[in-house]
Amino acid sequence: MKGWMIAAAGVVLVVLIALAGAYLIAGGEGIVQGNRVAVVSISGVIAMESESGLFAEGATTPESVKSQIEHALEDDSVKAILLEVNSPGGSAVASDEIAEMVKEARKKKPVVAWLGEWATSGAYYVASAADYIVASPATVTGSVGVIFILPEYSELMRKLGVNMTVIKAGEHKDFARGYRPLTEEEEEMLQSVVDEIYDVFVREVAENRNLSPEYVRASIASGSVFSASRAKELGLVDEIGTKERALEKAAELGGIEGKPEEVRYRRKTLFSELFAGAMQNFGYGFAKGVVEAYSEYGELRASG
């Protein structure tokens, strides 16, 4: 009896391991049925690349968002996408790239943005590209503007007795290095760059929100932040509500009846990749063995 129980436990363990492997192979999604809304996270600072290291803080990058959106577009069970935005913004270039991805995604599936605690600057830039925006009642949003900060420590160096020897080719090659003040011409040069980026920001928000650039520039794009209610008055968001409400709206736009199923796509760890690969091979061999054993057993019974 004891041997039988051990054997049975072994079979159960084998089946559970095979199922775990299948679960990892499917990206942790399991068996999919029904209509779903894919949740794409826009959290932390928006940057071109994420920091590395044990204690590095997470960042949203174009690469990480692209992976999530591609999964959502390729998944036939997903009828809409929900952007879960909780970010103070960050890189103008990265924000623009992500916003363009959202625009492209809208051509295939509706996109709703839900604004969490923060959705400012580049994060709002991204959210504005969605079909519809729902803001939490406590959301802080806006900060439509551009800033470029350069530290300048020449006075400190002078007090410390530190001298710099600079060998350069090109009049402005050493600008913005911090060891000397900017010249008037260099300040004008940087201001011109900032103004151009600002114009792009204003134009994109105006187009995405169906507002005039003049209105955005005069009423919104001062760099100010707004409460959810004020943002709705200004036309920055469409509705004030919970994330649940945002999911309902995404389901509505996606033609989903009833409560939608929520799905997320997460990057696999090295362990899960290796484990999934091993379980895939094991699961295949296990299933093949069962089928062959069943076929042999069936043939023996037929001929007996």
Protein backbone atom coordinates (compact mmCIF):
# COMPACT_ATOMS: atom_id res chain seq x y z
CA MET A 1 0.00 0.00 0.00
CA LYS A 2 2.82 2.36 0.90
CA GLY A 3 4.55 1.71 -2.43
CA TRP A 4 1.30 2.38 -4.30
CA MET A 5 0.86 5.73 -2.54
CA ILE A 6 4.42 6.77 -3.37
CA ALA A 7 3.89 5.84 -7.01
CA ALA A 8 0.62 7.79 -7.15
CA ALA A 9 2.24 10.81 -5.57
CA GLY A 10 5.01 10.58 -8.16
CA VAL A 11 2.52 10.58 -11.02
CA VAL A 12 0.71 13.61 -9.57
CA LEU A 13 4.03 15.44 -9.19
CA VAL A 14 4.98 14.69 -12.78
CA VAL A 15 1.63 16.00 -14.05
CA LEU A 16 1.91 19.16 -11.95
CA ILE A 17 5.44 19.84 -13.23
CA ALA A 18 4.27 19.36 -16.81
CA LEU A 19 1.37 21.74 -16.24
CA ALA A 20 3.71 24.29 -14.65
CA GLY A 21 5.91 24.08 -17.71
CA ALA A 22 2.94 24.61 -19.98
CA TYR A 23 1.90 27.60 -17.88
CA LEU A 24 5.33 29.20 -18.26
CA ILE A 25 5.44 28.41 -21.96
CA ALA A 26 2.18 30.29 -22.37
CA GLY A 27 3.69 33.29 -20.59
CA GLY A 28 1.73 32.68 -17.42
CA GLU A 29 -1.60 33.15 -19.14
CA GLY A 30 -3.03 29.64 -18.89
CA ILE A 31 -5.86 28.51 -21.11
CA VAL A 32 -7.51 31.50 -22.70
CA GLN A 33 -11.21 31.80 -23.28
CA GLY A 34 -13.46 34.78 -23.75
CA ASN A 35 -12.77 38.44 -24.48
CA ARG A 36 -9.97 40.22 -22.70
CA VAL A 37 -8.46 43.65 -22.16
CA ALA A 38 -4.66 43.83 -22.17
CA VAL A 39 -3.18 46.12 -19.51
CA VAL A 40 0.01 47.87 -20.58
CA SER A 41 1.93 49.48 -17.73
CA ILE A 42 3.50 52.94 -18.04
CA SER A 43 5.12 53.36 -14.62
CA GLY A 44 8.18 55.03 -13.16
CA VAL A 45 10.41 57.34 -15.14
CA ILE A 46 10.13 57.12 -18.94
CA ALA A 47 13.59 56.57 -20.40
CA MET A 48 15.25 55.26 -23.54
CA GLU A 49 17.01 52.53 -21.54
CA SER A 50 16.37 51.01 -18.12
CA GLU A 51 19.04 51.15 -15.44
CA SER A 52 20.88 47.98 -14.58
CA GLY A 53 21.97 46.73 -11.19
CA LEU A 54 20.51 45.02 -8.13
CA PHE A 55 19.00 48.19 -6.64
CA ALA A 56 18.13 50.00 -9.89
CA GLU A 57 14.64 51.46 -10.00
CA GLY A 58 12.32 50.29 -12.74
CA ALA A 59 11.73 52.50 -15.75
CA THR A 60 9.37 52.41 -18.70
CA THR A 61 11.22 52.19 -22.00
CA PRO A 62 10.00 52.08 -25.61
CA GLU A 63 11.30 48.52 -25.84
CA SER A 64 9.31 47.30 -22.82
CA VAL A 65 6.11 48.97 -24.04
CA LYS A 66 6.59 47.70 -27.59
CA SER A 67 6.78 44.14 -26.30
CA GLN A 68 3.53 44.51 -24.34
CA ILE A 69 1.65 46.18 -27.20
CA GLU A 70 2.81 43.61 -29.74
CA HIS A 71 1.56 40.80 -27.50
CA ALA A 72 -1.79 42.55 -27.14
CA LEU A 73 -2.18 43.07 -30.89
CA GLU A 74 -1.21 39.49 -31.73
CA ASP A 75 -3.54 38.00 -29.11
CA ASP A 76 -6.89 37.40 -30.82
CA SER A 77 -8.67 37.12 -27.48
CA VAL A 78 -7.68 40.72 -26.63
CA LYS A 79 -10.23 43.21 -27.93
CA ALA A 80 -8.88 46.40 -26.35
CA ILE A 81 -5.84 47.83 -24.58
CA LEU A 82 -5.74 49.71 -21.28
CA LEU A 83 -2.73 51.95 -20.58
CA GLU A 84 -2.17 52.00 -16.82
CA VAL A 85 -0.27 55.27 -16.39
CA ASN A 86 1.50 56.14 -13.16
CA SER A 87 4.57 58.17 -14.11
CA PRO A 88 6.04 61.67 -13.73
CA GLY A 89 7.31 61.53 -17.32
CA GLY A 90 10.92 61.63 -18.43
CA SER A 91 12.71 61.51 -21.76
CA ALA A 92 11.01 63.51 -24.53
CA VAL A 93 12.33 61.13 -27.18
CA ALA A 94 11.18 57.99 -25.34
CA SER A 95 7.76 59.54 -24.63
CA ASP A 96 7.31 60.42 -28.30
CA GLU A 97 8.25 56.90 -29.41
CA ILE A 98 5.78 55.31 -27.00
CA ALA A 99 3.03 57.74 -28.02
CA GLU A 100 3.57 56.77 -31.66
CA MET A 101 3.23 53.09 -30.71
CA VAL A 102 -0.09 53.87 -29.04
CA LYS A 103 -1.31 55.66 -32.18
CA GLU A 104 -0.38 52.68 -34.33
CA ALA A 105 -2.08 50.28 -31.91
CA ARG A 106 -5.30 52.32 -32.12
CA LYS A 107 -5.55 51.46 -35.81
CA LYS A 108 -6.13 47.83 -34.84
CA LYS A 109 -7.64 47.88 -31.35
CA PRO A 110 -9.12 50.63 -29.15
CA VAL A 111 -6.85 52.07 -26.45
CA VAL A 112 -8.03 53.60 -23.17
CA ALA A 113 -5.67 55.31 -20.72
CA TRP A 114 -6.21 55.27 -16.97
CA LEU A 115 -4.24 57.88 -15.01
CA GLY A 116 -3.11 56.84 -11.55
CA GLU A 117 -1.35 58.98 -8.95
CA TRP A 118 0.84 60.80 -11.48
CA ALA A 119 0.51 61.27 -15.22
CA THR A 120 2.56 64.36 -15.93
CA SER A 121 4.83 65.67 -18.68
CA GLY A 122 5.91 62.80 -20.97
CA ALA A 123 3.52 60.40 -19.25
CA TYR A 124 0.58 62.62 -20.18
CA TYR A 125 2.06 62.92 -23.69
CA VAL A 126 1.74 59.13 -23.97
CA ALA A 127 -1.75 59.04 -22.44
CA SER A 128 -3.02 61.74 -24.79
CA ALA A 129 -2.45 59.37 -27.71
CA ALA A 130 -5.18 57.02 -26.44
CA ASP A 131 -8.77 56.97 -27.74
CA TYR A 132 -10.18 57.81 -24.33
CA ILE A 133 -8.71 58.95 -20.98
CA VAL A 134 -10.07 58.16 -17.52
CA ALA A 135 -8.39 59.91 -14.59
CA SER A 136 -8.51 58.77 -10.99
CA PRO A 137 -10.19 61.38 -8.74
CA ALA A 138 -6.83 61.95 -7.03
CA THR A 139 -4.71 62.10 -10.18
CA VAL A 140 -2.14 64.86 -10.66
CA THR A 141 -1.65 65.47 -14.36
CA GLY A 142 -0.58 68.10 -16.88
CA SER A 143 2.92 69.63 -16.67
CA VAL A 144 2.84 70.08 -20.44
CA GLY A 145 6.16 71.72 -21.13
CA VAL A 146 9.87 71.08 -21.64
CA ILE A 147 12.78 71.64 -19.28
CA PHE A 148 16.53 71.29 -19.76
CA ILE A 149 18.68 71.52 -16.60
CA LEU A 150 22.45 72.04 -16.63
CA PRO A 151 24.51 72.16 -13.43
CA GLU A 152 27.21 74.83 -13.35
CA TYR A 153 29.91 74.62 -10.69
CA SER A 154 32.63 77.00 -11.89
CA GLU A 155 32.44 79.09 -8.70
CA LEU A 156 32.89 75.99 -6.56
CA MET A 157 35.91 74.95 -8.63
CA ARG A 158 37.41 78.39 -8.22
CA LYS A 159 37.08 78.19 -4.44
CA LEU A 160 38.66 74.75 -4.42
CA GLY A 161 41.49 75.92 -6.64
CA VAL A 162 40.63 73.51 -9.46
CA ASN A 163 41.69 74.58 -12.96
CA MET A 164 40.59 73.02 -16.27
CA THR A 165 42.72 72.72 -19.39
CA VAL A 166 40.50 72.40 -22.45
CA ILE A 167 41.69 71.48 -25.95
CA LYS A 168 38.86 71.55 -28.45
CA ALA A 169 37.95 71.92 -32.12
CA GLY A 170 34.63 73.72 -32.55
CA GLU A 171 33.59 76.86 -30.74
CA HIS A 172 30.83 75.27 -28.65
CA LYS A 173 32.27 71.80 -28.22
CA ASP A 174 32.78 72.30 -24.49
CA PHE A 175 29.43 73.93 -23.71
CA ALA A 176 27.24 72.51 -20.94
CA ARG A 177 30.21 70.82 -19.26
CA GLY A 178 29.56 72.64 -16.02
CA TYR A 179 33.03 74.07 -15.42
CA ARG A 180 32.14 77.41 -17.02
CA PRO A 181 28.94 79.46 -17.47
CA LEU A 182 27.12 79.30 -20.79
CA THR A 183 27.65 82.18 -23.15
CA GLU A 184 24.66 84.20 -24.31
CA GLU A 185 24.87 82.56 -27.71
CA GLU A 186 24.88 79.07 -26.15
CA GLU A 187 21.85 79.89 -24.03
CA GLU A 188 20.01 81.02 -27.14
CA MET A 189 21.02 77.84 -28.93
CA LEU A 190 19.66 75.62 -26.15
CA GLN A 191 16.52 77.71 -25.83
CA SER A 192 15.88 77.20 -29.54
CA VAL A 193 16.12 73.43 -29.11
CA VAL A 194 13.79 73.47 -26.10
CA ASP A 195 11.29 75.65 -27.97
CA GLU A 196 11.20 73.21 -30.89
CA ILE A 197 10.55 70.24 -28.61
CA TYR A 198 7.88 72.27 -26.81
CA ASP A 199 6.15 73.03 -30.12
CA VAL A 200 6.05 69.31 -30.93
CA PHE A 201 4.59 68.55 -27.48
CA VAL A 202 1.89 71.22 -27.88
CA ARG A 203 1.04 70.12 -31.41
CA GLU A 204 0.75 66.44 -30.45
CA VAL A 205 -1.44 67.07 -27.41
CA ALA A 206 -3.66 69.39 -29.44
CA GLU A 207 -4.06 66.83 -32.22
CA ASN A 208 -4.58 63.88 -29.88
CA ARG A 209 -7.18 65.69 -27.79
CA ASN A 210 -8.89 67.42 -30.72
CA LEU A 211 -7.96 70.87 -29.41
CA SER A 212 -6.40 73.85 -31.14
CA PRO A 213 -2.66 74.45 -30.63
CA GLU A 214 -3.49 78.01 -29.60
CA TYR A 215 -5.80 76.78 -26.85
CA VAL A 216 -3.29 74.23 -25.60
CA ARG A 217 -0.51 76.80 -25.55
CA ALA A 218 -2.61 79.42 -23.74
CA SER A 219 -4.55 77.27 -21.26
CA ILE A 220 -2.61 74.06 -20.72
CA ALA A 221 1.03 74.16 -21.79
CA SER A 222 2.43 76.43 -19.10
CA GLY A 223 4.06 73.54 -17.26
CA SER A 224 1.37 73.69 -14.56
CA VAL A 225 -0.09 70.56 -12.97
CA PHE A 226 -3.83 70.03 -12.57
CA SER A 227 -6.22 68.03 -10.45
CA ALA A 228 -8.43 65.47 -12.17
CA SER A 229 -11.48 67.73 -12.09
CA ARG A 230 -9.55 70.69 -13.51
CA ALA A 231 -8.00 68.47 -16.17
CA LYS A 232 -11.48 67.40 -17.25
CA GLU A 233 -12.60 71.03 -17.47
CA LEU A 234 -9.61 71.84 -19.66
CA GLY A 235 -10.17 68.87 -21.95
CA LEU A 236 -7.09 66.92 -20.90
CA VAL A 237 -9.18 63.90 -19.84
CA ASP A 238 -12.59 62.55 -20.81
CA GLU A 239 -13.83 61.18 -17.53
CA ILE A 240 -13.04 60.85 -13.82
CA GLY A 241 -13.26 57.33 -12.50
CA THR A 242 -11.59 54.24 -11.11
CA LYS A 243 -9.46 51.75 -12.97
CA GLU A 244 -12.49 49.46 -13.01
CA ARG A 245 -14.38 52.14 -14.91
CA ALA A 246 -11.49 52.45 -17.37
CA LEU A 247 -11.61 48.69 -17.95
CA GLU A 248 -15.35 48.90 -18.57
CA LYS A 249 -14.79 51.67 -21.12
CA ALA A 250 -12.08 49.65 -22.87
CA ALA A 251 -14.43 46.66 -22.99
CA GLU A 252 -17.20 48.85 -24.39
CA LEU A 253 -14.98 50.22 -27.16
CA GLY A 254 -13.73 46.70 -27.89
CA GLY A 255 -17.24 45.30 -28.22
CA ILE A 256 -16.93 43.07 -25.16
CA GLU A 257 -20.16 42.11 -23.44
CA GLY A 258 -20.08 41.64 -19.70
CA LYS A 259 -17.10 42.00 -17.39
CA PRO A 260 -13.81 41.74 -19.30
CA GLU A 261 -10.91 39.55 -18.28
CA GLU A 262 -7.72 41.47 -17.55
CA VAL A 263 -4.39 40.21 -18.90
CA ARG A 264 -0.83 41.48 -18.46
CA TYR A 265 2.32 40.56 -20.30
CA ARG A 266 5.44 40.42 -18.19
CA ARG A 267 9.03 39.91 -19.23
CA LYS A 268 10.21 36.42 -18.38
CA THR A 269 13.15 35.96 -16.04
CA LEU A 270 16.19 33.88 -16.99
CA PHE A 271 15.02 31.15 -14.60
CA SER A 272 11.55 30.97 -16.10
CA GLU A 273 13.00 30.86 -19.63
CA LEU A 274 15.29 27.94 -18.72
CA PHE A 275 12.61 26.18 -16.68
CA ALA A 276 10.00 26.63 -19.41
CA GLY A 277 12.36 25.21 -22.00
CA ALA A 278 13.10 22.17 -19.86
CA MET A 279 9.43 21.61 -19.06
CA GLN A 280 8.51 21.99 -22.73
CA ASN A 281 10.80 19.11 -23.62
CA PHE A 282 9.69 17.11 -20.61
CA GLY A 283 6.02 17.78 -21.24
CA TYR A 284 6.33 16.76 -24.88
CA GLY A 285 8.10 13.52 -23.95
CA PHE A 286 5.63 12.80 -21.19
CA ALA A 287 2.61 13.32 -23.44
CA LYS A 288 4.19 11.27 -26.24
CA GLY A 289 4.85 8.41 -23.82
CA VAL A 290 1.25 8.43 -22.62
CA VAL A 291 -0.12 8.37 -26.17
CA GLU A 292 2.19 5.55 -27.26
CA ALA A 293 1.39 3.53 -24.15
CA TYR A 294 -2.32 4.00 -24.74
CA SER A 295 -1.98 2.96 -28.40
CA GLU A 296 -0.03 -0.16 -27.48
CA TYR A 297 -2.50 -1.07 -24.77
CA GLY A 298 -5.37 -0.58 -27.19
CA GLU A 299 -3.76 -2.83 -29.82
CA LEU A 300 -3.09 -5.58 -27.26
CA ARG A 301 -6.70 -5.53 -26.10
CA ALA A 302 -7.98 -5.67 -29.68
CA SER A 303 -5.87 -8.69 -30.50
CA GLY A 304 -6.44 -10.48 -27.21
